[in-house]
Amino acid sequence: MHRLIRLSKALGSVHILATVIVLAIVVSASLLYFHHWSASSSGVISAPKPSVNADANVTMAFEYIRSNFGKFVVVDGSGVLYQAMLKPLSSHGINVHRLKSLDELKLIDCPKILIIDLLDNSIANELTSSTTLPNKLHECMMNGTYVLIAYNDTRLAGEVWRKLFGTSFPYASSEITATKVWSSGKKEYVVMKRLFGIVGMTYKIDNGRLIPVGVGGHVISDAANKNIEKLVSDALEGLVVSIMNAEKEFSGR
């Protein structure tokens, strides 16, 4: 009897591992597909891909942001995202200014780079319930502001994205789940990995007309997001390269 129980547990572990591997492959493929889809089907033009020399390109991108933008403005009531952004940005001479609510946007001019923290429930609720904020943010985008959202919940991000940008969220599901089978036969679905991203859009002039341009950076994290500083730092690297590429792509148009 004990041998059968051990065998059942072993088979359950193998099932979980196999499920995680298969889902990881499926989600990775989906992310690649959705990244391509966002450029070809949604009308959003993605910035050119980074060069092969990634480290040098990232350093150059941070320098470009420092020289041309100067600072990031982050809307973050809890201060967690703000604190996580301070070190990677200040180390490159880039300032970070924090707003504790979206309502404070009324008191300042449209910033060049604005990050809205959807990991903060109070900020997410403020945005999803407002009827005037999307218009304010759209006005900022029309004037060249990069309006970005920091997220790890694809459902919420999709709701906000549609409200802000009027299109479907162009990224795949953020969760990688596994099926845990207990010896009793009970099944439990466990979130193993999810996508953390800082993504968004602005408008650029192309041949005399305004067009939406998508930018962003992503990183796969564990479900608990225990090392938020590392997640934010990695996502910011992808983001600054994406913004630099977009700026250079449209600077001569």
Protein backbone atom coordinates (compact mmCIF):
# COMPACT_ATOMS: atom_id res chain seq x y z
CA MET A 1 0.00 0.00 0.00
CA HIS A 2 2.82 2.42 0.96
CA ARG A 3 4.57 1.54 -2.30
CA LEU A 4 1.43 2.43 -4.28
CA ILE A 5 1.18 5.79 -2.50
CA ARG A 6 4.84 6.59 -3.26
CA LEU A 7 4.27 5.62 -6.90
CA SER A 8 1.17 7.86 -7.06
CA LYS A 9 3.12 10.82 -5.64
CA ALA A 10 5.97 10.21 -8.07
CA LEU A 11 3.61 10.10 -11.03
CA GLY A 12 1.97 13.29 -9.77
CA SER A 13 5.36 15.05 -9.65
CA VAL A 14 6.21 13.89 -13.16
CA HIS A 15 2.81 15.13 -14.37
CA ILE A 16 3.41 18.57 -12.83
CA LEU A 17 6.90 18.83 -14.34
CA ALA A 18 5.70 17.76 -17.77
CA THR A 19 2.82 20.21 -17.62
CA VAL A 20 5.11 23.10 -16.65
CA ILE A 21 7.54 22.30 -19.48
CA VAL A 22 4.78 22.05 -22.09
CA LEU A 23 3.06 25.22 -20.89
CA ALA A 24 6.34 27.12 -20.80
CA ILE A 25 6.95 26.20 -24.44
CA VAL A 26 3.38 27.12 -25.41
CA VAL A 27 3.48 30.47 -23.60
CA SER A 28 6.90 31.34 -25.04
CA ALA A 29 5.59 30.65 -28.52
CA SER A 30 2.46 32.67 -27.77
CA LEU A 31 4.49 35.66 -26.62
CA LEU A 32 6.45 35.65 -29.84
CA TYR A 33 3.24 35.37 -31.85
CA PHE A 34 1.50 38.16 -29.98
CA HIS A 35 4.52 40.46 -30.27
CA HIS A 36 4.42 40.00 -34.04
CA TRP A 37 0.63 40.34 -34.07
CA SER A 38 0.75 43.64 -32.19
CA ALA A 39 2.84 45.16 -34.95
CA SER A 40 0.97 43.69 -37.91
CA SER A 41 -2.69 43.51 -36.89
CA SER A 42 -3.46 46.14 -34.25
CA GLY A 43 -2.13 49.12 -36.14
CA VAL A 44 0.58 49.66 -33.52
CA ILE A 45 4.07 49.98 -34.95
CA SER A 46 6.69 48.27 -32.81
CA ALA A 47 10.12 49.82 -32.51
CA PRO A 48 13.06 48.02 -34.20
CA LYS A 49 14.65 45.12 -32.30
CA PRO A 50 17.78 45.75 -30.19
CA SER A 51 21.21 45.04 -31.65
CA VAL A 52 23.12 41.84 -30.91
CA ASN A 53 25.42 43.62 -28.44
CA ALA A 54 22.73 43.81 -25.78
CA ASP A 55 24.77 45.19 -22.87
CA ALA A 56 26.23 48.05 -24.89
CA ASN A 57 22.83 48.76 -26.38
CA VAL A 58 21.19 48.93 -22.95
CA THR A 59 23.87 51.31 -21.63
CA MET A 60 23.46 53.50 -24.69
CA ALA A 61 19.67 53.45 -24.24
CA PHE A 62 19.85 54.62 -20.62
CA GLU A 63 22.19 57.42 -21.68
CA TYR A 64 19.79 58.36 -24.47
CA ILE A 65 16.87 58.50 -22.03
CA ARG A 66 18.90 60.60 -19.56
CA SER A 67 19.88 63.11 -22.24
CA ASN A 68 16.52 63.36 -24.01
CA PHE A 69 13.92 62.68 -21.32
CA GLY A 70 15.61 63.33 -17.98
CA LYS A 71 13.12 61.59 -15.74
CA PHE A 72 10.34 59.04 -15.34
CA VAL A 73 7.07 59.86 -13.62
CA VAL A 74 5.45 56.88 -11.88
CA VAL A 75 1.93 56.80 -10.43
CA ASP A 76 2.25 54.47 -7.45
CA GLY A 77 0.24 54.82 -4.26
CA SER A 78 2.11 52.14 -2.30
CA GLY A 79 5.58 53.27 -3.35
CA VAL A 80 6.79 49.71 -4.04
CA LEU A 81 7.31 50.16 -7.78
CA TYR A 82 8.77 53.62 -7.23
CA GLN A 83 11.37 52.26 -4.80
CA ALA A 84 12.24 49.42 -7.19
CA MET A 85 12.80 51.91 -10.03
CA LEU A 86 15.07 54.25 -8.08
CA LYS A 87 18.29 52.23 -8.13
CA PRO A 88 18.42 51.14 -11.81
CA LEU A 89 17.41 54.59 -13.05
CA SER A 90 19.41 56.78 -10.65
CA SER A 91 22.54 54.73 -11.40
CA HIS A 92 22.26 56.11 -14.94
CA GLY A 93 21.52 59.65 -13.81
CA ILE A 94 17.77 59.42 -14.52
CA ASN A 95 15.39 60.95 -11.99
CA VAL A 96 12.15 59.32 -10.82
CA HIS A 97 9.20 61.43 -9.69
CA ARG A 98 6.33 59.75 -7.85
CA LEU A 99 2.65 60.65 -7.93
CA LYS A 100 0.52 58.98 -5.26
CA SER A 101 -2.63 59.11 -7.37
CA LEU A 102 -3.65 59.68 -10.98
CA ASP A 103 -5.59 62.73 -9.84
CA GLU A 104 -2.25 64.49 -9.28
CA LEU A 105 -1.72 64.50 -13.05
CA LYS A 106 -4.06 67.49 -13.13
CA LEU A 107 -1.44 69.50 -11.24
CA ILE A 108 1.45 68.96 -13.66
CA ASP A 109 2.17 69.20 -17.36
CA CYS A 110 2.13 65.97 -19.34
CA PRO A 111 5.38 64.14 -18.55
CA LYS A 112 7.51 62.64 -21.31
CA ILE A 113 7.43 59.14 -19.76
CA LEU A 114 4.57 58.11 -17.46
CA ILE A 115 4.29 54.69 -15.79
CA ILE A 116 1.01 53.69 -14.13
CA ASP A 117 1.40 50.96 -11.50
CA LEU A 118 -1.40 48.42 -11.98
CA LEU A 119 0.15 46.24 -9.27
CA ASP A 120 -1.22 48.86 -6.86
CA ASN A 121 -4.93 48.12 -6.43
CA SER A 122 -5.79 51.70 -5.50
CA ILE A 123 -4.26 53.04 -8.73
CA ALA A 124 -5.85 50.30 -10.83
CA ASN A 125 -9.28 51.02 -9.32
CA GLU A 126 -8.85 54.76 -9.81
CA LEU A 127 -8.10 54.26 -13.49
CA THR A 128 -10.76 51.67 -14.30
CA SER A 129 -13.52 53.66 -12.58
CA SER A 130 -12.65 57.05 -14.06
CA THR A 131 -14.43 58.53 -17.07
CA THR A 132 -12.09 61.52 -17.47
CA LEU A 133 -8.59 60.11 -16.93
CA PRO A 134 -8.44 58.21 -20.25
CA ASN A 135 -9.10 61.48 -22.10
CA LYS A 136 -6.34 63.24 -20.15
CA LEU A 137 -3.89 60.42 -20.85
CA HIS A 138 -4.85 60.29 -24.52
CA GLU A 139 -4.24 64.02 -24.77
CA CYS A 140 -0.78 63.50 -23.27
CA MET A 141 -0.04 60.72 -25.78
CA MET A 142 -1.06 62.95 -28.66
CA ASN A 143 1.60 65.37 -27.42
CA GLY A 144 4.30 62.70 -27.34
CA THR A 145 4.01 61.25 -23.83
CA TYR A 146 4.85 57.56 -23.47
CA VAL A 147 1.90 56.31 -21.38
CA LEU A 148 2.87 52.96 -19.87
CA ILE A 149 1.38 50.40 -17.50
CA ALA A 150 3.30 48.12 -15.14
CA TYR A 151 1.39 44.85 -14.76
CA ASN A 152 1.46 41.15 -13.93
CA ASP A 153 -2.25 40.47 -14.42
CA THR A 154 -3.14 40.14 -18.10
CA ARG A 155 -6.89 40.39 -17.49
CA LEU A 156 -6.56 43.73 -15.69
CA ALA A 157 -3.95 44.96 -18.17
CA GLY A 158 -6.29 44.10 -21.04
CA GLU A 159 -9.15 46.04 -19.45
CA VAL A 160 -6.96 49.11 -18.90
CA TRP A 161 -5.31 48.83 -22.32
CA ARG A 162 -8.66 48.86 -24.10
CA LYS A 163 -9.80 51.82 -22.03
CA LEU A 164 -6.63 53.82 -22.72
CA PHE A 165 -5.72 52.78 -26.24
CA GLY A 166 -8.96 51.44 -27.71
CA THR A 167 -7.51 48.12 -28.90
CA SER A 168 -7.16 44.57 -27.58
CA PHE A 169 -4.18 43.87 -25.33
CA PRO A 170 -1.45 42.63 -27.72
CA TYR A 171 0.32 40.27 -25.30
CA ALA A 172 -0.37 36.68 -24.32
CA SER A 173 -1.62 35.44 -20.96
CA SER A 174 0.80 36.19 -18.17
CA GLU A 175 0.33 32.95 -16.29
CA ILE A 176 2.01 29.55 -16.60
CA THR A 177 0.08 27.01 -14.55
CA ALA A 178 0.60 23.41 -13.55
CA THR A 179 -1.90 20.75 -12.54
CA LYS A 180 -1.10 19.25 -9.15
CA VAL A 181 -2.73 15.85 -8.63
CA TRP A 182 -3.09 14.66 -5.05
CA SER A 183 -3.11 10.98 -4.05
CA SER A 184 -6.85 11.34 -3.41
CA GLY A 185 -7.33 12.21 -7.08
CA LYS A 186 -8.10 15.87 -6.36
CA LYS A 187 -6.67 18.32 -8.92
CA GLU A 188 -5.28 21.73 -8.04
CA TYR A 189 -4.20 24.37 -10.56
CA VAL A 190 -1.12 26.21 -9.38
CA VAL A 191 0.32 29.41 -10.89
CA MET A 192 4.04 28.76 -11.41
CA LYS A 193 5.18 31.70 -13.53
CA ARG A 194 3.71 34.93 -14.80
CA LEU A 195 4.78 37.77 -17.04
CA PHE A 196 5.76 41.12 -15.55
CA GLY A 197 5.82 43.97 -18.02
CA ILE A 198 6.05 47.72 -18.45
CA VAL A 199 4.33 48.42 -21.75
CA GLY A 200 2.41 51.17 -23.48
CA MET A 201 2.13 53.55 -26.39
CA THR A 202 2.65 57.04 -27.69
CA TYR A 203 1.91 58.79 -30.96
CA LYS A 204 4.47 59.73 -33.59
CA ILE A 205 4.21 61.73 -36.80
CA ASP A 206 4.72 59.64 -39.94
CA ASN A 207 4.29 61.32 -43.32
CA GLY A 208 2.22 64.07 -41.77
CA ARG A 209 -0.14 61.86 -39.76
CA LEU A 210 -0.20 60.68 -36.16
CA ILE A 211 0.24 56.94 -35.68
CA PRO A 212 0.37 54.83 -32.48
CA VAL A 213 3.74 53.35 -31.56
CA GLY A 214 4.05 50.53 -29.03
CA VAL A 215 7.01 50.13 -26.65
CA GLY A 216 7.77 47.97 -23.63
CA GLY A 217 9.88 45.51 -21.71
CA HIS A 218 8.94 42.11 -20.23
CA VAL A 219 10.38 39.49 -17.91
CA ILE A 220 9.11 36.09 -16.74
CA SER A 221 8.85 35.89 -12.95
CA ASP A 222 7.77 33.45 -10.29
CA ALA A 223 4.17 33.83 -9.20
CA ALA A 224 5.04 35.51 -5.91
CA ASN A 225 7.14 38.26 -7.55
CA LYS A 226 9.51 38.04 -4.58
CA ASN A 227 12.37 39.99 -6.15
CA ILE A 228 10.51 43.03 -7.46
CA GLU A 229 13.75 45.04 -7.80
CA LYS A 230 15.21 42.51 -10.24
CA LEU A 231 11.96 42.27 -12.22
CA VAL A 232 11.68 46.03 -12.57
CA SER A 233 15.35 46.44 -13.48
CA ASP A 234 15.14 43.81 -16.24
CA ALA A 235 11.87 45.20 -17.60
CA LEU A 236 13.30 48.73 -17.63
CA GLU A 237 16.24 47.57 -19.73
CA GLY A 238 13.89 46.31 -22.41
CA LEU A 239 11.75 49.43 -22.12
CA VAL A 240 14.53 52.00 -22.54
CA VAL A 241 15.93 50.18 -25.57
CA SER A 242 12.44 50.07 -27.05
CA ILE A 243 11.91 53.81 -26.48
CA MET A 244 15.32 54.71 -27.88
CA ASN A 245 14.67 52.66 -31.01
CA ALA A 246 11.26 54.27 -31.49
CA GLU A 247 12.69 57.77 -31.09
CA LYS A 248 15.49 57.13 -33.57
CA GLU A 249 13.14 55.46 -36.02
CA PHE A 250 10.87 58.50 -36.20
CA SER A 251 13.36 61.31 -35.60
CA GLY A 252 13.97 61.84 -39.30
CA ARG A 253 10.35 61.72 -40.40
